[in-house]
Amino acid sequence: MKTNDLKANIRHLLKERNAIFLAHNYQPPEIQDLADLCGDSLELSIQAARTEADVILFCGVHFMAETAAILSPEKTVLLPRPDAGCPMAEMIDPVSLRARIDELPPMPVVTYVNSSAAVKALSTICCTSANAVAVVESLDAEAVLMTPDRNLARYTAARTKKKVHVWEGCCPIHDRLSPEDVRRAREAHPGAVFMAHPECRPEVLALADVITSTSGMLRTAAESDSSRFIVGTEVGLLYPLKKANPAKEFFAASERMLCEDMKKISLQDVLKSLEQLHGRVTVPEDIRRPAFAAVQRMIDLAL
């Protein structure tokens, strides 16, 4: 099927099923271009929950679709490629988390949204890379356990007086960025602003001009007087950055920062998912309710 016909069929089915098409910022360009909304996983799920759509088609990875299902249990949530996972989310499971909780004195559990619904369900509150410090500061406790990203936990620990217990997980894509990669990028692009994601290692963050989430990088690029940027996150973000700022230049901090799971979904997968309601993601109610509470506590902080 020709690309234009494929896109037309997808748009027709989206309308027919009263569906909303969400795409994460790391998805391939052709997916982002056809989506109704692009952004980071949590903001997409929140926006989708507020619509009258019956179906949420989420182009991302599994925990993102789960988060949409947590916030919109009455909607049908589709992940076109159910095998699109997240290595960091797989570095923690509810059994291991429960064991760690039992080892420590009583304290809040702050869990990054990049985690499974079952892990969220054991957590006190969730956080994003943008609000992790604010979430920890909001808690009436002298110590917290942060899961599953050690780099985000250490970033947060450096910005709060609270004791932060670290779970030894990470995003392999961000964790593989090294100071040497950054130095090479700076040499190749002198004067460019280096934006780093908090999932990067502390020694990489120490070299950054700006430390921020993917949405924060988009805002920084739009508002900055600078015209050249080195982007320290998954290479998929280069596309929306360039699209939103055509007069500015963006360079990958390392071409190795590519997440294969984020590149699995094709337009053919999207069409199949809509035609057959393939890849439906559901969360059992006994897990969804406590997971929803953890996510909602975080959302309420911003209100």
Protein backbone atom coordinates (compact mmCIF):
# COMPACT_ATOMS: atom_id res chain seq x y z
CA MET A 1 0.00 0.00 0.00
CA LYS A 2 1.33 3.46 -0.91
CA THR A 3 2.22 5.72 1.98
CA ASN A 4 -0.46 8.29 1.19
CA ASP A 5 -3.13 5.57 1.00
CA LEU A 6 -1.87 4.11 4.26
CA LYS A 7 -2.14 7.48 5.98
CA ALA A 8 -5.62 8.08 4.53
CA ASN A 9 -6.82 4.70 5.80
CA ILE A 10 -5.42 5.43 9.26
CA ARG A 11 -7.14 8.80 9.41
CA HIS A 12 -10.41 7.21 8.29
CA LEU A 13 -10.21 4.52 10.97
CA LEU A 14 -9.29 7.03 13.66
CA LYS A 15 -12.48 8.93 12.87
CA GLU A 16 -14.57 5.78 12.58
CA ARG A 17 -13.42 4.47 15.96
CA ASN A 18 -13.48 7.88 17.65
CA ALA A 19 -9.81 7.39 18.43
CA ILE A 20 -7.03 9.77 19.41
CA PHE A 21 -3.53 9.10 18.08
CA LEU A 22 -0.68 9.81 20.51
CA ALA A 23 3.03 9.70 19.68
CA HIS A 24 5.99 10.06 22.00
CA ASN A 25 8.73 12.53 21.08
CA TYR A 26 11.13 9.65 20.32
CA GLN A 27 8.90 7.99 17.71
CA PRO A 28 9.87 7.95 13.99
CA PRO A 29 9.04 11.13 12.02
CA GLU A 30 6.25 9.54 9.98
CA ILE A 31 4.50 8.51 13.21
CA GLN A 32 4.89 11.95 14.78
CA ASP A 33 3.63 13.69 11.65
CA LEU A 34 0.39 11.71 11.57
CA ALA A 35 -0.36 11.83 15.29
CA ASP A 36 -2.99 14.06 16.85
CA LEU A 37 -0.70 14.82 19.78
CA CYS A 38 3.06 14.47 20.34
CA GLY A 39 4.86 14.90 23.62
CA ASP A 40 6.17 13.05 26.65
CA SER A 41 4.32 10.02 27.94
CA LEU A 42 2.56 11.48 30.98
CA GLU A 43 1.35 14.69 29.37
CA LEU A 44 -0.04 12.67 26.48
CA SER A 45 -1.94 10.35 28.82
CA ILE A 46 -3.35 13.29 30.77
CA GLN A 47 -4.51 15.06 27.61
CA ALA A 48 -6.05 11.88 26.20
CA ALA A 49 -7.97 11.29 29.44
CA ARG A 50 -9.60 14.69 29.01
CA THR A 51 -10.91 13.99 25.51
CA GLU A 52 -14.16 12.35 24.42
CA ALA A 53 -12.25 9.70 22.48
CA ASP A 54 -13.30 6.07 22.92
CA VAL A 55 -9.94 4.71 21.81
CA ILE A 56 -6.38 5.82 22.67
CA LEU A 57 -3.82 4.68 20.12
CA PHE A 58 -0.45 5.14 21.84
CA CYS A 59 2.75 4.99 19.80
CA GLY A 60 5.43 4.59 22.44
CA VAL A 61 6.39 1.72 24.73
CA HIS A 62 4.40 -0.53 27.03
CA PHE A 63 4.55 1.44 30.29
CA MET A 64 3.21 4.50 28.46
CA ALA A 65 0.14 2.64 27.22
CA GLU A 66 -0.33 1.26 30.74
CA THR A 67 -0.28 4.79 32.15
CA ALA A 68 -2.97 5.78 29.67
CA ALA A 69 -5.03 2.77 30.78
CA ILE A 70 -4.53 3.73 34.44
CA LEU A 71 -5.88 7.24 33.80
CA SER A 72 -8.60 6.20 31.32
CA PRO A 73 -9.99 2.79 32.35
CA GLU A 74 -13.16 3.41 30.39
CA LYS A 75 -11.27 3.84 27.11
CA THR A 76 -9.73 1.21 24.83
CA VAL A 77 -5.94 1.68 24.86
CA LEU A 78 -3.93 0.27 21.96
CA LEU A 79 -0.17 -0.22 21.65
CA PRO A 80 0.44 -1.20 18.00
CA ARG A 81 3.55 -3.21 18.92
CA PRO A 82 3.02 -4.98 22.27
CA ASP A 83 6.70 -6.01 22.19
CA ALA A 84 7.81 -2.37 22.44
CA GLY A 85 9.17 -2.40 25.97
CA CYS A 86 11.40 -0.26 28.15
CA PRO A 87 14.65 -1.74 29.51
CA MET A 88 14.59 0.56 32.52
CA ALA A 89 11.01 -0.35 33.43
CA GLU A 90 12.08 -4.00 33.28
CA MET A 91 14.83 -3.38 35.85
CA ILE A 92 12.27 -3.38 38.65
CA ASP A 93 9.36 -5.66 39.50
CA PRO A 94 6.81 -5.65 42.34
CA VAL A 95 8.36 -8.62 44.15
CA SER A 96 11.81 -7.02 44.27
CA LEU A 97 10.34 -3.65 45.20
CA ARG A 98 8.33 -5.16 48.05
CA ALA A 99 11.49 -6.85 49.35
CA ARG A 100 13.38 -3.54 49.26
CA ILE A 101 10.55 -1.71 51.03
CA ASP A 102 10.60 -4.33 53.78
CA GLU A 103 14.37 -3.92 54.20
CA LEU A 104 14.19 -0.16 54.77
CA PRO A 105 12.61 1.85 57.58
CA PRO A 106 9.13 3.19 56.70
CA MET A 107 9.46 5.92 54.06
CA PRO A 108 7.68 7.14 50.91
CA VAL A 109 8.40 5.39 47.63
CA VAL A 110 8.83 7.83 44.73
CA THR A 111 8.58 6.04 41.40
CA TYR A 112 9.44 7.43 38.00
CA VAL A 113 6.54 7.15 35.56
CA ASN A 114 8.86 5.03 33.39
CA SER A 115 7.73 1.93 35.27
CA SER A 116 5.07 -0.75 35.15
CA ALA A 117 1.60 -0.34 36.61
CA ALA A 118 2.38 -3.05 39.17
CA VAL A 119 5.38 -1.07 40.44
CA LYS A 120 3.40 2.17 40.51
CA ALA A 121 0.80 0.35 42.59
CA LEU A 122 3.36 -0.20 45.38
CA SER A 123 4.49 3.42 45.29
CA THR A 124 3.50 6.43 47.36
CA ILE A 125 3.74 8.90 44.51
CA CYS A 126 5.06 9.05 40.96
CA CYS A 127 7.36 11.62 39.40
CA THR A 128 8.64 12.68 36.02
CA SER A 129 12.12 13.85 35.08
CA ALA A 130 10.78 17.40 35.17
CA ASN A 131 9.21 17.34 38.63
CA ALA A 132 11.26 14.76 40.58
CA VAL A 133 12.82 17.34 42.91
CA ALA A 134 9.48 19.05 43.59
CA VAL A 135 7.83 15.70 44.30
CA VAL A 136 10.50 14.68 46.82
CA GLU A 137 10.40 18.11 48.46
CA SER A 138 6.61 17.88 48.82
CA LEU A 139 6.81 14.80 51.03
CA ASP A 140 6.72 15.05 54.81
CA ALA A 141 9.61 12.66 55.30
CA GLU A 142 13.34 12.90 55.88
CA ALA A 143 14.13 10.00 53.53
CA VAL A 144 12.63 8.47 50.39
CA LEU A 145 13.24 5.48 48.15
CA MET A 146 13.44 6.52 44.48
CA THR A 147 12.89 3.94 41.76
CA PRO A 148 13.88 2.76 39.22
CA ASP A 149 16.38 5.23 37.72
CA ARG A 150 19.59 5.69 39.72
CA ASN A 151 20.65 8.68 37.62
CA LEU A 152 17.40 10.58 38.20
CA ALA A 153 17.62 9.66 41.90
CA ARG A 154 21.16 11.00 42.18
CA TYR A 155 20.19 14.14 40.26
CA THR A 156 17.37 14.64 42.78
CA ALA A 157 19.53 13.83 45.79
CA ALA A 158 21.95 16.59 44.80
CA ARG A 159 19.08 19.10 44.90
CA THR A 160 17.36 18.20 48.17
CA LYS A 161 18.42 17.85 51.81
CA LYS A 162 16.40 14.65 52.11
CA LYS A 163 18.08 11.26 52.12
CA VAL A 164 17.42 9.54 48.80
CA HIS A 165 17.77 5.77 48.68
CA VAL A 166 18.65 4.71 45.14
CA TRP A 167 17.34 1.78 43.11
CA GLU A 168 20.04 0.47 40.78
CA GLY A 169 18.21 0.76 37.47
CA CYS A 170 18.80 3.06 34.54
CA CYS A 171 17.86 3.91 30.98
CA PRO A 172 20.63 2.19 28.96
CA ILE A 173 20.26 4.77 26.19
CA HIS A 174 20.95 7.75 28.45
CA ASP A 175 23.40 5.89 30.67
CA ARG A 176 25.66 5.09 27.71
CA LEU A 177 26.35 8.79 27.03
CA SER A 178 29.85 9.48 28.34
CA PRO A 179 31.79 12.66 29.15
CA GLU A 180 34.05 11.79 26.21
CA ASP A 181 31.01 11.78 23.90
CA VAL A 182 30.06 15.23 25.17
CA ARG A 183 33.58 16.60 24.72
CA ARG A 184 33.72 15.30 21.16
CA ALA A 185 30.34 16.88 20.41
CA ARG A 186 31.48 20.21 21.86
CA GLU A 187 34.64 20.11 19.75
CA ALA A 188 32.59 19.35 16.63
CA HIS A 189 30.00 22.07 17.42
CA PRO A 190 31.77 24.90 19.28
CA GLY A 191 29.45 27.34 21.01
CA ALA A 192 26.44 25.01 20.91
CA VAL A 193 24.33 24.75 24.07
CA PHE A 194 24.51 21.26 25.58
CA MET A 195 21.10 20.10 26.88
CA ALA A 196 21.18 16.92 28.97
CA HIS A 197 18.36 14.72 30.23
CA PRO A 198 18.36 13.91 33.99
CA GLU A 199 18.54 10.21 33.07
CA CYS A 200 22.17 10.78 32.04
CA ARG A 201 25.05 9.94 34.37
CA PRO A 202 26.08 12.55 36.99
CA GLU A 203 29.45 13.13 35.29
CA VAL A 204 27.60 13.97 32.05
CA LEU A 205 25.16 16.28 33.82
CA ALA A 206 28.14 18.10 35.31
CA LEU A 207 29.09 19.16 31.76
CA ALA A 208 25.60 20.35 30.76
CA ASP A 209 24.53 23.93 30.12
CA VAL A 210 20.91 22.90 30.67
CA ILE A 211 19.50 19.83 32.46
CA THR A 212 15.88 19.22 31.55
CA SER A 213 13.24 16.79 30.32
CA THR A 214 12.33 16.27 26.66
CA SER A 215 9.52 18.81 26.95
CA GLY A 216 11.95 21.13 28.69
CA MET A 217 14.38 20.78 25.80
CA LEU A 218 11.66 21.80 23.38
CA ARG A 219 10.86 24.85 25.51
CA THR A 220 14.52 25.75 25.95
CA ALA A 221 15.20 25.60 22.22
CA ALA A 222 12.18 27.77 21.45
CA GLU A 223 12.92 30.40 24.09
CA SER A 224 16.73 30.56 23.93
CA ASP A 225 18.65 33.21 22.02
CA SER A 226 21.11 30.49 21.06
CA SER A 227 20.82 28.97 17.60
CA ARG A 228 22.84 25.76 18.03
CA PHE A 229 22.21 22.92 20.46
CA ILE A 230 23.77 19.58 21.37
CA VAL A 231 20.95 17.26 22.41
CA GLY A 232 21.69 14.80 25.21
CA THR A 233 18.73 12.47 24.89
CA GLU A 234 17.37 9.83 22.49
CA VAL A 235 18.03 10.90 18.89
CA GLY A 236 14.32 10.87 18.03
CA LEU A 237 13.91 14.24 19.75
CA LEU A 238 16.00 15.90 17.05
CA TYR A 239 13.04 15.68 14.66
CA PRO A 240 10.48 17.68 16.70
CA LEU A 241 13.21 20.12 17.74
CA LYS A 242 14.08 20.86 14.11
CA LYS A 243 10.43 20.91 13.08
CA ALA A 244 9.55 23.49 15.74
CA ASN A 245 12.73 25.56 15.23
CA PRO A 246 13.65 25.44 11.52
CA ALA A 247 16.09 28.34 11.81
CA LYS A 248 18.14 26.61 14.53
CA GLU A 249 20.60 23.70 14.43
CA PHE A 250 20.48 20.56 16.56
CA PHE A 251 23.15 17.90 16.93
CA ALA A 252 23.01 14.53 18.67
CA ALA A 253 25.34 14.28 21.65
CA SER A 254 25.94 10.73 20.41
CA GLU A 255 24.41 8.77 17.55
CA ARG A 256 24.51 5.75 19.88
CA MET A 257 21.60 7.23 21.85
CA LEU A 258 19.01 5.34 19.83
CA CYS A 259 16.23 3.31 21.47
CA GLU A 260 15.24 0.41 19.23
CA ASP A 261 12.00 -0.12 21.16
CA MET A 262 10.94 3.43 20.34
CA LYS A 263 11.49 2.76 16.65
CA LYS A 264 9.50 -0.50 16.38
CA ILE A 265 6.10 0.92 15.45
CA SER A 266 5.42 1.48 11.74
CA LEU A 267 2.44 2.98 9.96
CA GLN A 268 1.48 -0.57 8.93
CA ASP A 269 1.40 -1.51 12.63
CA VAL A 270 -0.83 1.47 13.35
CA LEU A 271 -3.26 0.47 10.60
CA LYS A 272 -3.41 -3.13 11.80
CA SER A 273 -3.98 -2.02 15.37
CA LEU A 274 -6.91 0.18 14.38
CA GLU A 275 -8.41 -2.40 12.02
CA GLN A 276 -8.28 -5.29 14.50
CA LEU A 277 -8.06 -3.43 17.83
CA HIS A 278 -4.74 -5.24 18.06
CA GLY A 279 -2.40 -4.62 21.01
CA ARG A 280 -4.98 -3.71 23.62
CA VAL A 281 -3.41 -2.81 26.98
CA THR A 282 -5.41 -3.23 30.17
CA VAL A 283 -4.55 -2.95 33.87
CA PRO A 284 -6.36 -5.15 36.43
CA GLU A 285 -8.45 -3.01 38.77
CA ASP A 286 -6.65 -4.17 41.93
CA ILE A 287 -3.43 -2.79 40.41
CA ARG A 288 -4.96 0.16 38.61
CA ARG A 289 -6.53 1.76 41.70
CA PRO A 290 -3.33 2.12 43.80
CA ALA A 291 -1.32 2.98 40.68
CA PHE A 292 -3.84 5.70 39.85
CA ALA A 293 -3.51 7.09 43.38
CA ALA A 294 0.28 7.36 43.01
CA VAL A 295 -0.02 9.12 39.64
CA GLN A 296 -2.84 11.39 40.82
CA ARG A 297 -0.88 12.53 43.87
CA MET A 298 1.80 13.78 41.52
CA ILE A 299 -0.70 15.46 39.19
CA ASP A 300 -2.35 17.20 42.14
CA LEU A 301 0.95 18.87 43.07
CA ALA A 302 0.81 20.87 39.83
CA LEU A 303 -2.75 22.11 40.40
